[in-house]
Amino acid sequence: MTLHQLVALSFPLLTALAVAIVALFVRRPWSEKPVEIAPQNRERLLDHLERLNAEIEGKAHLVRQELRQLKNAR
C-alpha cells in the first residue's frame, strides 16, 4: 500500500478524532450546567411541544395517505 493510500484511508479516523477533540475540549460538557425552567414556563413549554407534536403527526398522516394514493395510482 502506498503512502497516499494510507493517508486517504486515515481521513475518516482523523475526522472522528477532530470531532472528539471539539466535543471534549471546546464544549467542555463537564462544565455545562443543566438548564432550570420555572414550573409555569415548563408547563407552557410542554403544552407548546404537545401541540407541535400533534401538528407533525397530523401532517405525517396526510403524507402517508398521499403516498398510498400515489402508489395505488401506478
PDB file of N, CA and C in Angstrom:
ATOM      1  N   MET A   1       0.840  -1.162   0.000  1.00  0.00           N
ATOM      2  CA  MET A   1       0.000   0.000   0.000  1.00  0.00           C
ATOM      3  C   MET A   1       0.898   1.242   0.000  1.00  0.00           C
ATOM      4  N   THR A   2       0.529   2.179  -0.831  1.00  0.00           N
ATOM      5  CA  THR A   2       1.369   3.373  -0.940  1.00  0.00           C
ATOM      6  C   THR A   2       1.038   4.357   0.180  1.00  0.00           C
ATOM      7  N   LEU A   3       1.912   5.332   0.321  1.00  0.00           N
ATOM      8  CA  LEU A   3       1.718   6.352   1.345  1.00  0.00           C
ATOM      9  C   LEU A   3       0.430   7.136   1.095  1.00  0.00           C
ATOM     10  N   HIS A   4       0.133   7.418  -0.163  1.00  0.00           N
ATOM     11  CA  HIS A   4      -1.075   8.171  -0.493  1.00  0.00           C
ATOM     12  C   HIS A   4      -2.327   7.390  -0.118  1.00  0.00           C
ATOM     13  N   GLN A   5      -2.306   6.080  -0.330  1.00  0.00           N
ATOM     14  CA  GLN A   5      -3.458   5.258   0.046  1.00  0.00           C
ATOM     15  C   GLN A   5      -3.634   5.242   1.558  1.00  0.00           C
ATOM     16  N   LEU A   6      -2.538   5.154   2.296  1.00  0.00           N
ATOM     17  CA  LEU A   6      -2.624   5.162   3.759  1.00  0.00           C
ATOM     18  C   LEU A   6      -3.182   6.491   4.268  1.00  0.00           C
ATOM     19  N   VAL A   7      -2.737   7.577   3.673  1.00  0.00           N
ATOM     20  CA  VAL A   7      -3.241   8.895   4.076  1.00  0.00           C
ATOM     21  C   VAL A   7      -4.729   8.993   3.767  1.00  0.00           C
ATOM     22  N   ALA A   8      -5.125   8.526   2.585  1.00  0.00           N
ATOM     23  CA  ALA A   8      -6.530   8.594   2.190  1.00  0.00           C
ATOM     24  C   ALA A   8      -7.401   7.740   3.116  1.00  0.00           C
ATOM     25  N   LEU A   9      -6.920   6.572   3.493  1.00  0.00           N
ATOM     26  CA  LEU A   9      -7.692   5.697   4.378  1.00  0.00           C
ATOM     27  C   LEU A   9      -7.761   6.235   5.811  1.00  0.00           C
ATOM     28  N   SER A  10      -6.807   7.067   6.188  1.00  0.00           N
ATOM     29  CA  SER A  10      -6.799   7.576   7.563  1.00  0.00           C
ATOM     30  C   SER A  10      -7.693   8.801   7.740  1.00  0.00           C
ATOM     31  N   PHE A  11      -8.218   9.402   6.664  1.00  0.00           N
ATOM     32  CA  PHE A  11      -9.024  10.608   6.795  1.00  0.00           C
ATOM     33  C   PHE A  11     -10.285  10.416   7.632  1.00  0.00           C
ATOM     34  N   PRO A  12     -11.031   9.312   7.494  1.00  0.00           N
ATOM     35  CA  PRO A  12     -12.199   9.156   8.386  1.00  0.00           C
ATOM     36  C   PRO A  12     -11.794   9.122   9.866  1.00  0.00           C
ATOM     37  N   LEU A  13     -10.680   8.482  10.164  1.00  0.00           N
ATOM     38  CA  LEU A  13     -10.229   8.449  11.548  1.00  0.00           C
ATOM     39  C   LEU A  13      -9.805   9.835  12.031  1.00  0.00           C
ATOM     40  N   LEU A  14      -9.139  10.585  11.165  1.00  0.00           N
ATOM     41  CA  LEU A  14      -8.740  11.938  11.525  1.00  0.00           C
ATOM     42  C   LEU A  14      -9.960  12.827  11.752  1.00  0.00           C
ATOM     43  N   THR A  15     -10.991  12.634  10.940  1.00  0.00           N
ATOM     44  CA  THR A  15     -12.215  13.413  11.107  1.00  0.00           C
ATOM     45  C   THR A  15     -12.888  13.078  12.437  1.00  0.00           C
ATOM     46  N   ALA A  16     -12.967  11.791  12.756  1.00  0.00           N
ATOM     47  CA  ALA A  16     -13.559  11.379  14.033  1.00  0.00           C
ATOM     48  C   ALA A  16     -12.761  11.929  15.205  1.00  0.00           C
ATOM     49  N   LEU A  17     -11.440  11.926  15.091  1.00  0.00           N
ATOM     50  CA  LEU A  17     -10.589  12.467  16.140  1.00  0.00           C
ATOM     51  C   LEU A  17     -10.828  13.963  16.308  1.00  0.00           C
ATOM     52  N   ALA A  18     -10.950  14.691  15.204  1.00  0.00           N
ATOM     53  CA  ALA A  18     -11.202  16.133  15.279  1.00  0.00           C
ATOM     54  C   ALA A  18     -12.542  16.424  15.948  1.00  0.00           C
ATOM     55  N   VAL A  19     -13.563  15.648  15.616  1.00  0.00           N
ATOM     56  CA  VAL A  19     -14.879  15.834  16.238  1.00  0.00           C
ATOM     57  C   VAL A  19     -14.793  15.552  17.736  1.00  0.00           C
ATOM     58  N   ALA A  20     -14.083  14.505  18.122  1.00  0.00           N
ATOM     59  CA  ALA A  20     -13.941  14.179  19.544  1.00  0.00           C
ATOM     60  C   ALA A  20     -13.215  15.288  20.294  1.00  0.00           C
ATOM     61  N   ILE A  21     -12.182  15.837  19.700  1.00  0.00           N
ATOM     62  CA  ILE A  21     -11.434  16.920  20.352  1.00  0.00           C
ATOM     63  C   ILE A  21     -12.328  18.143  20.540  1.00  0.00           C
ATOM     64  N   VAL A  22     -13.101  18.476  19.511  1.00  0.00           N
ATOM     65  CA  VAL A  22     -14.007  19.622  19.623  1.00  0.00           C
ATOM     66  C   VAL A  22     -15.046  19.357  20.711  1.00  0.00           C
ATOM     67  N   ALA A  23     -15.599  18.164  20.723  1.00  0.00           N
ATOM     68  CA  ALA A  23     -16.634  17.843  21.707  1.00  0.00           C
ATOM     69  C   ALA A  23     -16.090  17.877  23.130  1.00  0.00           C
ATOM     70  N   LEU A  24     -14.887  17.423  23.332  1.00  0.00           N
ATOM     71  CA  LEU A  24     -14.342  17.345  24.686  1.00  0.00           C
ATOM     72  C   LEU A  24     -13.719  18.642  25.173  1.00  0.00           C
ATOM     73  N   PHE A  25     -12.957  19.293  24.337  1.00  0.00           N
ATOM     74  CA  PHE A  25     -12.157  20.411  24.825  1.00  0.00           C
ATOM     75  C   PHE A  25     -12.715  21.787  24.490  1.00  0.00           C
ATOM     76  N   VAL A  26     -13.552  21.891  23.469  1.00  0.00           N
ATOM     77  CA  VAL A  26     -14.120  23.192  23.156  1.00  0.00           C
ATOM     78  C   VAL A  26     -15.438  23.368  23.892  1.00  0.00           C
ATOM     79  N   ARG A  27     -16.309  22.371  23.841  1.00  0.00           N
ATOM     80  CA  ARG A  27     -17.601  22.471  24.511  1.00  0.00           C
ATOM     81  C   ARG A  27     -17.490  22.234  26.002  1.00  0.00           C
ATOM     82  N   ARG A  28     -16.562  21.427  26.439  1.00  0.00           N
ATOM     83  CA  ARG A  28     -16.366  21.064  27.845  1.00  0.00           C
ATOM     84  C   ARG A  28     -17.686  20.638  28.494  1.00  0.00           C
ATOM     85  N   PRO A  29     -18.217  19.477  28.116  1.00  0.00           N
ATOM     86  CA  PRO A  29     -19.527  19.059  28.643  1.00  0.00           C
ATOM     87  C   PRO A  29     -19.544  18.909  30.163  1.00  0.00           C
ATOM     88  N   TRP A  30     -18.401  18.683  30.781  1.00  0.00           N
ATOM     89  CA  TRP A  30     -18.379  18.517  32.230  1.00  0.00           C
ATOM     90  C   TRP A  30     -18.634  19.830  32.961  1.00  0.00           C
ATOM     91  N   SER A  31     -18.497  20.963  32.272  1.00  0.00           N
ATOM     92  CA  SER A  31     -18.715  22.248  32.938  1.00  0.00           C
ATOM     93  C   SER A  31     -20.067  22.867  32.597  1.00  0.00           C
ATOM     94  N   GLU A  32     -20.857  22.210  31.748  1.00  0.00           N
ATOM     95  CA  GLU A  32     -22.166  22.748  31.396  1.00  0.00           C
ATOM     96  C   GLU A  32     -23.144  22.503  32.531  1.00  0.00           C
ATOM     97  N   LYS A  33     -23.906  23.525  32.867  1.00  0.00           N
ATOM     98  CA  LYS A  33     -24.895  23.430  33.932  1.00  0.00           C
ATOM     99  C   LYS A  33     -26.244  23.077  33.317  1.00  0.00           C
ATOM    100  N   PRO A  34     -27.025  22.249  34.007  1.00  0.00           N
ATOM    101  CA  PRO A  34     -28.360  21.949  33.483  1.00  0.00           C
ATOM    102  C   PRO A  34     -29.244  23.197  33.521  1.00  0.00           C
ATOM    103  N   VAL A  35     -30.104  23.309  32.546  1.00  0.00           N
ATOM    104  CA  VAL A  35     -30.984  24.474  32.456  1.00  0.00           C
ATOM    105  C   VAL A  35     -32.186  24.248  33.362  1.00  0.00           C
ATOM    106  N   GLU A  36     -32.423  25.215  34.237  1.00  0.00           N
ATOM    107  CA  GLU A  36     -33.582  25.157  35.124  1.00  0.00           C
ATOM    108  C   GLU A  36     -34.711  25.973  34.505  1.00  0.00           C
ATOM    109  N   ILE A  37     -35.909  25.383  34.449  1.00  0.00           N
ATOM    110  CA  ILE A  37     -37.067  26.060  33.890  1.00  0.00           C
ATOM    111  C   ILE A  37     -38.097  26.212  35.003  1.00  0.00           C
ATOM    112  N   ALA A  38     -38.650  27.416  35.141  1.00  0.00           N
ATOM    113  CA  ALA A  38     -39.683  27.661  36.148  1.00  0.00           C
ATOM    114  C   ALA A  38     -40.887  26.761  35.854  1.00  0.00           C
ATOM    115  N   PRO A  39     -41.608  26.304  36.900  1.00  0.00           N
ATOM    116  CA  PRO A  39     -42.736  25.384  36.684  1.00  0.00           C
ATOM    117  C   PRO A  39     -43.788  25.925  35.718  1.00  0.00           C
ATOM    118  N   GLN A  40     -44.080  27.247  35.799  1.00  0.00           N
ATOM    119  CA  GLN A  40     -45.084  27.816  34.888  1.00  0.00           C
ATOM    120  C   GLN A  40     -44.596  27.735  33.457  1.00  0.00           C
ATOM    121  N   ASN A  41     -43.356  28.142  33.253  1.00  0.00           N
ATOM    122  CA  ASN A  41     -42.795  28.113  31.905  1.00  0.00           C
ATOM    123  C   ASN A  41     -42.666  26.689  31.407  1.00  0.00           C
ATOM    124  N   ARG A  42     -42.373  25.770  32.325  1.00  0.00           N
ATOM    125  CA  ARG A  42     -42.231  24.364  31.942  1.00  0.00           C
ATOM    126  C   ARG A  42     -43.554  23.819  31.408  1.00  0.00           C
ATOM    127  N   GLU A  43     -44.650  24.139  32.103  1.00  0.00           N
ATOM    128  CA  GLU A  43     -45.968  23.675  31.652  1.00  0.00           C
ATOM    129  C   GLU A  43     -46.327  24.281  30.302  1.00  0.00           C
ATOM    130  N   ARG A  44     -46.043  25.594  30.148  1.00  0.00           N
ATOM    131  CA  ARG A  44     -46.318  26.249  28.865  1.00  0.00           C
ATOM    132  C   ARG A  44     -45.504  25.619  27.751  1.00  0.00           C
ATOM    133  N   LEU A  45     -44.230  25.333  28.048  1.00  0.00           N
ATOM    134  CA  LEU A  45     -43.357  24.717  27.058  1.00  0.00           C
ATOM    135  C   LEU A  45     -43.844  23.318  26.695  1.00  0.00           C
ATOM    136  N   LEU A  46     -44.260  22.536  27.695  1.00  0.00           N
ATOM    137  CA  LEU A  46     -44.775  21.191  27.421  1.00  0.00           C
ATOM    138  C   LEU A  46     -46.040  21.242  26.575  1.00  0.00           C
ATOM    139  N   ASP A  47     -46.935  22.188  26.878  1.00  0.00           N
ATOM    140  CA  ASP A  47     -48.153  22.333  26.069  1.00  0.00           C
ATOM    141  C   ASP A  47     -47.806  22.687  24.629  1.00  0.00           C
ATOM    142  N   HIS A  48     -46.868  23.600  24.474  1.00  0.00           N
ATOM    143  CA  HIS A  48     -46.452  24.004  23.124  1.00  0.00           C
ATOM    144  C   HIS A  48     -45.846  22.826  22.372  1.00  0.00           C
ATOM    145  N   LEU A  49     -45.000  22.054  23.048  1.00  0.00           N
ATOM    146  CA  LEU A  49     -44.390  20.888  22.406  1.00  0.00           C
ATOM    147  C   LEU A  49     -45.431  19.839  22.032  1.00  0.00           C
ATOM    148  N   GLU A  50     -46.434  19.654  22.887  1.00  0.00           N
ATOM    149  CA  GLU A  50     -47.504  18.699  22.568  1.00  0.00           C
ATOM    150  C   GLU A  50     -48.290  19.147  21.344  1.00  0.00           C
ATOM    151  N   ARG A  51     -48.565  20.465  21.257  1.00  0.00           N
ATOM    152  CA  ARG A  51     -49.277  20.970  20.073  1.00  0.00           C
ATOM    153  C   ARG A  51     -48.445  20.778  18.809  1.00  0.00           C
ATOM    154  N   LEU A  52     -47.137  21.075  18.904  1.00  0.00           N
ATOM    155  CA  LEU A  52     -46.265  20.871  17.748  1.00  0.00           C
ATOM    156  C   LEU A  52     -46.219  19.405  17.341  1.00  0.00           C
ATOM    157  N   ASN A  53     -46.135  18.524  18.339  1.00  0.00           N
ATOM    158  CA  ASN A  53     -46.088  17.098  18.051  1.00  0.00           C
ATOM    159  C   ASN A  53     -47.374  16.635  17.362  1.00  0.00           C
ATOM    160  N   ALA A  54     -48.522  17.122  17.839  1.00  0.00           N
ATOM    161  CA  ALA A  54     -49.801  16.754  17.218  1.00  0.00           C
ATOM    162  C   ALA A  54     -49.860  17.259  15.781  1.00  0.00           C
ATOM    163  N   GLU A  55     -49.357  18.463  15.556  1.00  0.00           N
ATOM    164  CA  GLU A  55     -49.348  19.022  14.203  1.00  0.00           C
ATOM    165  C   GLU A  55     -48.458  18.193  13.282  1.00  0.00           C
ATOM    166  N   ILE A  56     -47.295  17.808  13.772  1.00  0.00           N
ATOM    167  CA  ILE A  56     -46.375  16.991  12.970  1.00  0.00           C
ATOM    168  C   ILE A  56     -46.990  15.634  12.660  1.00  0.00           C
ATOM    169  N   GLU A  57     -47.627  15.021  13.674  1.00  0.00           N
ATOM    170  CA  GLU A  57     -48.259  13.719  13.439  1.00  0.00           C
ATOM    171  C   GLU A  57     -49.380  13.829  12.422  1.00  0.00           C
ATOM    172  N   GLY A  58     -50.154  14.911  12.484  1.00  0.00           N
ATOM    173  CA  GLY A  58     -51.224  15.116  11.504  1.00  0.00           C
ATOM    174  C   GLY A  58     -50.676  15.256  10.100  1.00  0.00           C
ATOM    175  N   LYS A  59     -49.608  16.029   9.957  1.00  0.00           N
ATOM    176  CA  LYS A  59     -49.013  16.199   8.628  1.00  0.00           C
ATOM    177  C   LYS A  59     -48.389  14.901   8.134  1.00  0.00           C
ATOM    178  N   ALA A  60     -47.785  14.147   9.037  1.00  0.00           N
ATOM    179  CA  ALA A  60     -47.207  12.859   8.642  1.00  0.00           C
ATOM    180  C   ALA A  60     -48.306  11.915   8.160  1.00  0.00           C
ATOM    181  N   HIS A  61     -49.463  11.956   8.817  1.00  0.00           N
ATOM    182  CA  HIS A  61     -50.585  11.116   8.394  1.00  0.00           C
ATOM    183  C   HIS A  61     -51.028  11.500   6.988  1.00  0.00           C
ATOM    184  N   LEU A  62     -51.111  12.806   6.720  1.00  0.00           N
ATOM    185  CA  LEU A  62     -51.501  13.265   5.386  1.00  0.00           C
ATOM    186  C   LEU A  62     -50.483  12.832   4.336  1.00  0.00           C
ATOM    187  N   VAL A  63     -49.215  12.897   4.667  1.00  0.00           N
ATOM    188  CA  VAL A  63     -48.165  12.489   3.726  1.00  0.00           C
ATOM    189  C   VAL A  63     -48.269  10.993   3.443  1.00  0.00           C
ATOM    190  N   ARG A  64     -48.519  10.202   4.503  1.00  0.00           N
ATOM    191  CA  ARG A  64     -48.668   8.750   4.292  1.00  0.00           C
ATOM    192  C   ARG A  64     -49.859   8.450   3.393  1.00  0.00           C
ATOM    193  N   GLN A  65     -50.964   9.169   3.603  1.00  0.00           N
ATOM    194  CA  GLN A  65     -52.135   8.970   2.746  1.00  0.00           C
ATOM    195  C   GLN A  65     -51.811   9.312   1.297  1.00  0.00           C
ATOM    196  N   GLU A  66     -51.123  10.411   1.103  1.00  0.00           N
ATOM    197  CA  GLU A  66     -50.780  10.826  -0.255  1.00  0.00           C
ATOM    198  C   GLU A  66     -49.850   9.813  -0.916  1.00  0.00           C
ATOM    199  N   LEU A  67     -48.893   9.285  -0.138  1.00  0.00           N
ATOM    200  CA  LEU A  67     -48.006   8.257  -0.695  1.00  0.00           C
ATOM    201  C   LEU A  67     -48.787   7.009  -1.097  1.00  0.00           C
ATOM    202  N   ARG A  68     -49.734   6.615  -0.247  1.00  0.00           N
ATOM    203  CA  ARG A  68     -50.558   5.451  -0.586  1.00  0.00           C
ATOM    204  C   ARG A  68     -51.329   5.692  -1.870  1.00  0.00           C
ATOM    205  N   GLN A  69     -51.880   6.906  -2.026  1.00  0.00           N
ATOM    206  CA  GLN A  69     -52.631   7.228  -3.235  1.00  0.00           C
ATOM    207  C   GLN A  69     -51.722   7.198  -4.470  1.00  0.00           C
ATOM    208  N   LEU A  70     -50.500   7.708  -4.309  1.00  0.00           N
ATOM    209  CA  LEU A  70     -49.564   7.692  -5.441  1.00  0.00           C
ATOM    210  C   LEU A  70     -49.177   6.270  -5.819  1.00  0.00           C
ATOM    211  N   LYS A  71     -48.967   5.415  -4.804  1.00  0.00           N
ATOM    212  CA  LYS A  71     -48.627   4.011  -5.098  1.00  0.00           C
ATOM    213  C   LYS A  71     -49.782   3.300  -5.782  1.00  0.00           C
ATOM    214  N   ASN A  72     -51.014   3.587  -5.340  1.00  0.00           N
ATOM    215  CA  ASN A  72     -52.186   2.943  -5.946  1.00  0.00           C
ATOM    216  C   ASN A  72     -52.456   3.461  -7.356  1.00  0.00           C
ATOM    217  N   ALA A  73     -52.019   4.686  -7.658  1.00  0.00           N
ATOM    218  CA  ALA A  73     -52.262   5.269  -8.977  1.00  0.00           C
ATOM    219  C   ALA A  73     -51.331   4.675 -10.030  1.00  0.00           C
ATOM    220  N   ARG A  74     -50.267   4.058  -9.616  1.00  0.00           N
ATOM    221  CA  ARG A  74     -49.331   3.493 -10.602  1.00  0.00           C
ATOM    222  C   ARG A  74     -49.876   2.290 -11.294  1.00  0.00           C
TER     223      ARG A  74
END
